[in-house]
Amino acid sequence: MGTDTETTLHEIKQTISGFVEERDWLQYHDPKNLVMALMSEVGELADQFRWVNNSESHALAASPDHAEEVADELADIMMFAIEFASVCNIDISTAIASKLKKNAVRYPIDKAKGSCKKYDRL
């Protein structure tokens, strides 16, 4: 695999599927277990940022001492999310496009720009 600009999502899905198949792990990759694994990995990423303020979190993510660990945790999250999509027959691009369309209605630019309020409070 190459960089984000060189590798398609389809290629990433194929690589992950091949990795799982070679290890005979599909038997463990049901939706529930994948969600549980995903949650665990999100917790591990969150742990990297525990007890730092917002500005410190940017520096921590970019620091040579932590950048690889942060990237590894994000990779775990992404791989489990992509595997979940594969197991559930979810087309990720279609799902994202659909959700962005819904969010555009929920968060119109004139009300949401610069605001962190949830759509029902705009």
N, C-alpha and C. Protein backbone atom coordinates (compact mmCIF):
# COMPACT_ATOMS: atom_id res chain seq x y z
N MET A 1 0.84 -1.19 0.00
CA MET A 1 0.00 0.00 0.00
C MET A 1 0.88 1.24 0.00
N GLY A 2 0.33 2.30 -0.54
CA GLY A 2 1.04 3.57 -0.58
C GLY A 2 0.37 4.56 0.36
N THR A 3 0.43 5.81 -0.03
CA THR A 3 -0.16 6.89 0.77
C THR A 3 -1.65 7.01 0.48
N ASP A 4 -2.32 7.92 1.20
CA ASP A 4 -3.75 8.17 0.98
C ASP A 4 -4.04 8.56 -0.47
N THR A 5 -3.15 9.31 -1.08
CA THR A 5 -3.40 9.76 -2.46
C THR A 5 -3.12 8.67 -3.49
N GLU A 6 -2.43 7.63 -3.07
CA GLU A 6 -2.06 6.56 -3.99
C GLU A 6 -2.91 5.29 -3.85
N THR A 7 -3.61 5.14 -2.74
CA THR A 7 -4.30 3.90 -2.42
C THR A 7 -5.80 4.13 -2.34
N THR A 8 -6.56 3.28 -3.00
CA THR A 8 -8.02 3.41 -2.94
C THR A 8 -8.56 2.69 -1.71
N LEU A 9 -9.76 3.06 -1.33
CA LEU A 9 -10.42 2.39 -0.22
C LEU A 9 -10.65 0.91 -0.56
N HIS A 10 -10.97 0.64 -1.83
CA HIS A 10 -11.16 -0.74 -2.27
C HIS A 10 -9.89 -1.56 -2.04
N GLU A 11 -8.74 -0.99 -2.35
CA GLU A 11 -7.47 -1.69 -2.14
C GLU A 11 -7.22 -1.95 -0.66
N ILE A 12 -7.55 -0.98 0.17
CA ILE A 12 -7.39 -1.14 1.62
C ILE A 12 -8.30 -2.26 2.12
N LYS A 13 -9.56 -2.25 1.66
CA LYS A 13 -10.50 -3.30 2.06
C LYS A 13 -9.97 -4.68 1.66
N GLN A 14 -9.44 -4.79 0.45
CA GLN A 14 -8.90 -6.07 -0.01
C GLN A 14 -7.71 -6.52 0.83
N THR A 15 -6.85 -5.59 1.17
CA THR A 15 -5.67 -5.91 1.98
C THR A 15 -6.09 -6.41 3.36
N ILE A 16 -7.03 -5.72 3.98
CA ILE A 16 -7.51 -6.13 5.30
C ILE A 16 -8.20 -7.49 5.21
N SER A 17 -9.04 -7.68 4.21
CA SER A 17 -9.72 -8.97 4.04
C SER A 17 -8.72 -10.10 3.85
N GLY A 18 -7.69 -9.87 3.06
CA GLY A 18 -6.65 -10.87 2.86
C GLY A 18 -5.93 -11.21 4.15
N PHE A 19 -5.61 -10.21 4.93
CA PHE A 19 -4.94 -10.39 6.21
C PHE A 19 -5.79 -11.26 7.14
N VAL A 20 -7.10 -10.95 7.20
CA VAL A 20 -8.04 -11.68 8.06
C VAL A 20 -8.18 -13.13 7.57
N GLU A 21 -8.34 -13.29 6.27
CA GLU A 21 -8.52 -14.64 5.70
C GLU A 21 -7.30 -15.52 5.93
N GLU A 22 -6.11 -14.97 5.75
CA GLU A 22 -4.88 -15.74 5.95
C GLU A 22 -4.77 -16.30 7.37
N ARG A 23 -5.37 -15.61 8.32
CA ARG A 23 -5.28 -16.01 9.72
C ARG A 23 -6.53 -16.75 10.21
N ASP A 24 -7.49 -16.96 9.29
CA ASP A 24 -8.75 -17.62 9.63
C ASP A 24 -9.46 -16.91 10.78
N TRP A 25 -9.50 -15.58 10.71
CA TRP A 25 -10.12 -14.79 11.77
C TRP A 25 -11.56 -14.41 11.46
N LEU A 26 -12.02 -14.67 10.25
CA LEU A 26 -13.39 -14.27 9.91
C LEU A 26 -14.40 -14.90 10.87
N GLN A 27 -14.08 -16.07 11.38
CA GLN A 27 -14.96 -16.75 12.33
C GLN A 27 -15.19 -15.91 13.60
N TYR A 28 -14.30 -15.01 13.91
CA TYR A 28 -14.42 -14.15 15.09
C TYR A 28 -14.95 -12.76 14.75
N HIS A 29 -15.00 -12.46 13.47
CA HIS A 29 -15.34 -11.10 13.04
C HIS A 29 -16.82 -10.93 12.73
N ASP A 30 -17.64 -11.19 13.73
CA ASP A 30 -19.06 -10.89 13.60
C ASP A 30 -19.25 -9.43 14.01
N PRO A 31 -20.39 -8.83 13.64
CA PRO A 31 -20.58 -7.40 13.94
C PRO A 31 -20.37 -7.04 15.41
N LYS A 32 -20.89 -7.82 16.34
CA LYS A 32 -20.74 -7.51 17.76
C LYS A 32 -19.28 -7.48 18.18
N ASN A 33 -18.53 -8.52 17.82
CA ASN A 33 -17.13 -8.57 18.23
C ASN A 33 -16.30 -7.47 17.57
N LEU A 34 -16.63 -7.13 16.35
CA LEU A 34 -15.90 -6.03 15.69
C LEU A 34 -16.20 -4.70 16.36
N VAL A 35 -17.45 -4.49 16.78
CA VAL A 35 -17.79 -3.25 17.50
C VAL A 35 -17.05 -3.21 18.84
N MET A 36 -17.01 -4.34 19.52
CA MET A 36 -16.29 -4.39 20.80
C MET A 36 -14.80 -4.08 20.60
N ALA A 37 -14.20 -4.67 19.57
CA ALA A 37 -12.79 -4.41 19.27
C ALA A 37 -12.57 -2.94 18.92
N LEU A 38 -13.50 -2.40 18.14
CA LEU A 38 -13.42 -1.00 17.74
C LEU A 38 -13.47 -0.09 18.97
N MET A 39 -14.38 -0.37 19.87
CA MET A 39 -14.48 0.42 21.10
C MET A 39 -13.21 0.34 21.94
N SER A 40 -12.63 -0.84 22.02
CA SER A 40 -11.38 -1.01 22.77
C SER A 40 -10.26 -0.17 22.17
N GLU A 41 -10.17 -0.18 20.85
CA GLU A 41 -9.12 0.58 20.19
C GLU A 41 -9.34 2.09 20.33
N VAL A 42 -10.60 2.53 20.29
CA VAL A 42 -10.88 3.95 20.52
C VAL A 42 -10.44 4.34 21.93
N GLY A 43 -10.67 3.45 22.89
CA GLY A 43 -10.21 3.70 24.25
C GLY A 43 -8.69 3.82 24.34
N GLU A 44 -7.99 2.97 23.58
CA GLU A 44 -6.53 3.04 23.57
C GLU A 44 -6.04 4.35 22.94
N LEU A 45 -6.73 4.83 21.92
CA LEU A 45 -6.36 6.11 21.34
C LEU A 45 -6.66 7.25 22.32
N ALA A 46 -7.81 7.18 22.95
CA ALA A 46 -8.18 8.22 23.93
C ALA A 46 -7.16 8.27 25.07
N ASP A 47 -6.65 7.12 25.46
CA ASP A 47 -5.68 7.06 26.54
C ASP A 47 -4.41 7.84 26.21
N GLN A 48 -4.07 7.93 24.92
CA GLN A 48 -2.89 8.70 24.51
C GLN A 48 -3.04 10.19 24.87
N PHE A 49 -4.28 10.65 24.98
CA PHE A 49 -4.54 12.08 25.18
C PHE A 49 -5.10 12.40 26.57
N ARG A 50 -5.12 11.40 27.43
CA ARG A 50 -5.66 11.61 28.77
C ARG A 50 -4.85 12.65 29.53
N TRP A 51 -5.54 13.54 30.16
CA TRP A 51 -4.99 14.56 31.05
C TRP A 51 -4.19 15.64 30.35
N VAL A 52 -4.38 15.84 29.08
CA VAL A 52 -3.76 16.97 28.41
C VAL A 52 -4.86 17.92 27.94
N ASN A 53 -4.54 19.21 27.88
CA ASN A 53 -5.55 20.16 27.41
C ASN A 53 -5.58 20.17 25.88
N ASN A 54 -6.50 20.94 25.32
CA ASN A 54 -6.70 20.94 23.87
C ASN A 54 -5.44 21.32 23.10
N SER A 55 -4.77 22.37 23.51
CA SER A 55 -3.58 22.79 22.76
C SER A 55 -2.45 21.77 22.92
N GLU A 56 -2.33 21.18 24.07
CA GLU A 56 -1.30 20.16 24.28
C GLU A 56 -1.56 18.92 23.43
N SER A 57 -2.83 18.65 23.16
CA SER A 57 -3.16 17.46 22.38
C SER A 57 -2.61 17.55 20.96
N HIS A 58 -2.60 18.74 20.38
CA HIS A 58 -2.01 18.92 19.04
C HIS A 58 -0.51 18.62 19.07
N ALA A 59 0.16 19.15 20.06
CA ALA A 59 1.60 18.94 20.18
C ALA A 59 1.91 17.47 20.45
N LEU A 60 1.11 16.83 21.28
CA LEU A 60 1.33 15.43 21.60
C LEU A 60 1.17 14.55 20.35
N ALA A 61 0.13 14.81 19.57
CA ALA A 61 -0.11 14.01 18.36
C ALA A 61 1.02 14.14 17.35
N ALA A 62 1.67 15.29 17.33
CA ALA A 62 2.74 15.54 16.36
C ALA A 62 4.13 15.21 16.90
N SER A 63 4.24 14.98 18.20
CA SER A 63 5.56 14.78 18.78
C SER A 63 6.16 13.44 18.34
N PRO A 64 7.46 13.44 18.09
CA PRO A 64 8.13 12.20 17.68
C PRO A 64 7.95 11.06 18.69
N ASP A 65 7.80 11.40 19.96
CA ASP A 65 7.65 10.38 21.00
C ASP A 65 6.29 9.70 20.98
N HIS A 66 5.27 10.37 20.43
CA HIS A 66 3.91 9.82 20.47
C HIS A 66 3.26 9.62 19.11
N ALA A 67 3.77 10.24 18.07
CA ALA A 67 3.10 10.21 16.76
C ALA A 67 2.90 8.79 16.25
N GLU A 68 3.90 7.93 16.41
CA GLU A 68 3.76 6.56 15.91
C GLU A 68 2.70 5.79 16.71
N GLU A 69 2.67 5.96 18.02
CA GLU A 69 1.66 5.29 18.84
C GLU A 69 0.26 5.76 18.47
N VAL A 70 0.10 7.06 18.27
CA VAL A 70 -1.19 7.62 17.88
C VAL A 70 -1.60 7.07 16.51
N ALA A 71 -0.68 7.04 15.58
CA ALA A 71 -0.97 6.50 14.24
C ALA A 71 -1.32 5.02 14.31
N ASP A 72 -0.63 4.27 15.15
CA ASP A 72 -0.93 2.84 15.30
C ASP A 72 -2.34 2.62 15.84
N GLU A 73 -2.72 3.40 16.84
CA GLU A 73 -4.08 3.25 17.40
C GLU A 73 -5.13 3.65 16.37
N LEU A 74 -4.88 4.71 15.63
CA LEU A 74 -5.82 5.12 14.59
C LEU A 74 -5.91 4.03 13.52
N ALA A 75 -4.80 3.44 13.16
CA ALA A 75 -4.81 2.36 12.16
C ALA A 75 -5.66 1.19 12.65
N ASP A 76 -5.52 0.82 13.93
CA ASP A 76 -6.35 -0.25 14.48
C ASP A 76 -7.83 0.09 14.37
N ILE A 77 -8.18 1.32 14.71
CA ILE A 77 -9.57 1.77 14.64
C ILE A 77 -10.08 1.69 13.20
N MET A 78 -9.31 2.22 12.29
CA MET A 78 -9.72 2.23 10.88
C MET A 78 -9.86 0.81 10.33
N MET A 79 -8.93 -0.06 10.68
CA MET A 79 -9.00 -1.43 10.17
C MET A 79 -10.23 -2.15 10.70
N PHE A 80 -10.54 -1.99 11.99
CA PHE A 80 -11.74 -2.62 12.53
C PHE A 80 -13.01 -2.02 11.93
N ALA A 81 -13.02 -0.70 11.71
CA ALA A 81 -14.19 -0.06 11.10
C ALA A 81 -14.38 -0.55 9.67
N ILE A 82 -13.31 -0.66 8.93
CA ILE A 82 -13.39 -1.14 7.55
C ILE A 82 -13.81 -2.60 7.52
N GLU A 83 -13.29 -3.41 8.41
CA GLU A 83 -13.68 -4.82 8.48
C GLU A 83 -15.16 -4.94 8.87
N PHE A 84 -15.63 -4.08 9.79
CA PHE A 84 -17.04 -4.06 10.16
C PHE A 84 -17.90 -3.77 8.94
N ALA A 85 -17.49 -2.78 8.16
CA ALA A 85 -18.24 -2.44 6.94
C ALA A 85 -18.28 -3.62 5.99
N SER A 86 -17.17 -4.31 5.83
CA SER A 86 -17.12 -5.47 4.94
C SER A 86 -18.06 -6.57 5.42
N VAL A 87 -17.99 -6.90 6.70
CA VAL A 87 -18.82 -7.96 7.26
C VAL A 87 -20.30 -7.62 7.17
N CYS A 88 -20.63 -6.34 7.30
CA CYS A 88 -22.03 -5.89 7.26
C CYS A 88 -22.48 -5.45 5.87
N ASN A 89 -21.63 -5.64 4.88
CA ASN A 89 -21.94 -5.26 3.50
C ASN A 89 -22.33 -3.78 3.39
N ILE A 90 -21.58 -2.94 4.06
CA ILE A 90 -21.80 -1.50 3.99
C ILE A 90 -20.77 -0.90 3.04
N ASP A 91 -21.25 -0.20 2.05
CA ASP A 91 -20.36 0.53 1.15
C ASP A 91 -20.00 1.84 1.87
N ILE A 92 -18.76 1.96 2.26
CA ILE A 92 -18.33 3.08 3.09
C ILE A 92 -18.55 4.42 2.38
N SER A 93 -18.18 4.51 1.13
CA SER A 93 -18.34 5.77 0.39
C SER A 93 -19.80 6.18 0.30
N THR A 94 -20.68 5.23 0.03
CA THR A 94 -22.11 5.52 -0.04
C THR A 94 -22.64 5.94 1.33
N ALA A 95 -22.22 5.24 2.37
CA ALA A 95 -22.68 5.56 3.73
C ALA A 95 -22.23 6.97 4.13
N ILE A 96 -20.99 7.32 3.81
CA ILE A 96 -20.48 8.65 4.16
C ILE A 96 -21.23 9.73 3.38
N ALA A 97 -21.42 9.51 2.09
CA ALA A 97 -22.15 10.49 1.28
C ALA A 97 -23.56 10.69 1.81
N SER A 98 -24.22 9.61 2.18
CA SER A 98 -25.58 9.68 2.72
C SER A 98 -25.61 10.45 4.04
N LYS A 99 -24.65 10.15 4.90
CA LYS A 99 -24.60 10.82 6.21
C LYS A 99 -24.27 12.30 6.07
N LEU A 100 -23.37 12.64 5.16
CA LEU A 100 -23.06 14.06 4.93
C LEU A 100 -24.29 14.81 4.43
N LYS A 101 -25.07 14.17 3.59
CA LYS A 101 -26.30 14.78 3.08
C LYS A 101 -27.28 15.05 4.23
N LYS A 102 -27.44 14.07 5.11
CA LYS A 102 -28.30 14.24 6.29
C LYS A 102 -27.76 15.34 7.20
N ASN A 103 -26.44 15.35 7.41
CA ASN A 103 -25.84 16.36 8.29
C ASN A 103 -25.94 17.76 7.69
N ALA A 104 -25.92 17.86 6.37
CA ALA A 104 -26.07 19.18 5.73
C ALA A 104 -27.44 19.77 6.06
N VAL A 105 -28.44 18.92 6.17
CA VAL A 105 -29.79 19.38 6.54
C VAL A 105 -29.82 19.73 8.03
N ARG A 106 -29.21 18.89 8.85
CA ARG A 106 -29.20 19.11 10.30
C ARG A 106 -28.36 20.31 10.71
N TYR A 107 -27.30 20.54 9.96
CA TYR A 107 -26.35 21.60 10.29
C TYR A 107 -26.20 22.56 9.12
N PRO A 108 -27.22 23.37 8.84
CA PRO A 108 -27.09 24.33 7.74
C PRO A 108 -25.97 25.33 8.05
N ILE A 109 -25.25 25.71 7.03
CA ILE A 109 -24.08 26.58 7.20
C ILE A 109 -24.43 27.86 7.95
N ASP A 110 -25.57 28.46 7.60
CA ASP A 110 -25.91 29.74 8.23
C ASP A 110 -26.14 29.62 9.74
N LYS A 111 -26.48 28.43 10.23
CA LYS A 111 -26.71 28.24 11.67
C LYS A 111 -25.53 27.55 12.36
N ALA A 112 -24.85 26.67 11.64
CA ALA A 112 -23.84 25.83 12.28
C ALA A 112 -22.42 26.36 12.18
N LYS A 113 -22.16 27.26 11.25
CA LYS A 113 -20.79 27.72 11.04
C LYS A 113 -20.22 28.33 12.31
N GLY A 114 -19.10 27.78 12.75
CA GLY A 114 -18.42 28.29 13.94
C GLY A 114 -19.05 27.86 15.25
N SER A 115 -20.08 27.01 15.20
CA SER A 115 -20.77 26.58 16.41
C SER A 115 -20.51 25.10 16.67
N CYS A 116 -20.42 24.73 17.93
CA CYS A 116 -20.26 23.33 18.29
C CYS A 116 -21.55 22.76 18.86
N LYS A 117 -22.65 23.50 18.72
CA LYS A 117 -23.93 23.04 19.23
C LYS A 117 -24.46 21.88 18.41
N LYS A 118 -25.15 20.97 19.09
CA LYS A 118 -25.82 19.87 18.39
C LYS A 118 -26.96 20.44 17.58
N TYR A 119 -27.32 19.72 16.49
CA TYR A 119 -28.32 20.22 15.54
C TYR A 119 -29.65 20.62 16.19
N ASP A 120 -30.04 19.94 17.26
CA ASP A 120 -31.32 20.26 17.89
C ASP A 120 -31.24 21.49 18.80
N ARG A 121 -30.08 22.09 18.89
CA ARG A 121 -29.90 23.28 19.71
C ARG A 121 -29.47 24.51 18.90
N LEU A 122 -29.39 24.35 17.60
CA LEU A 122 -28.99 25.47 16.74
C LEU A 122 -30.11 26.50 16.63
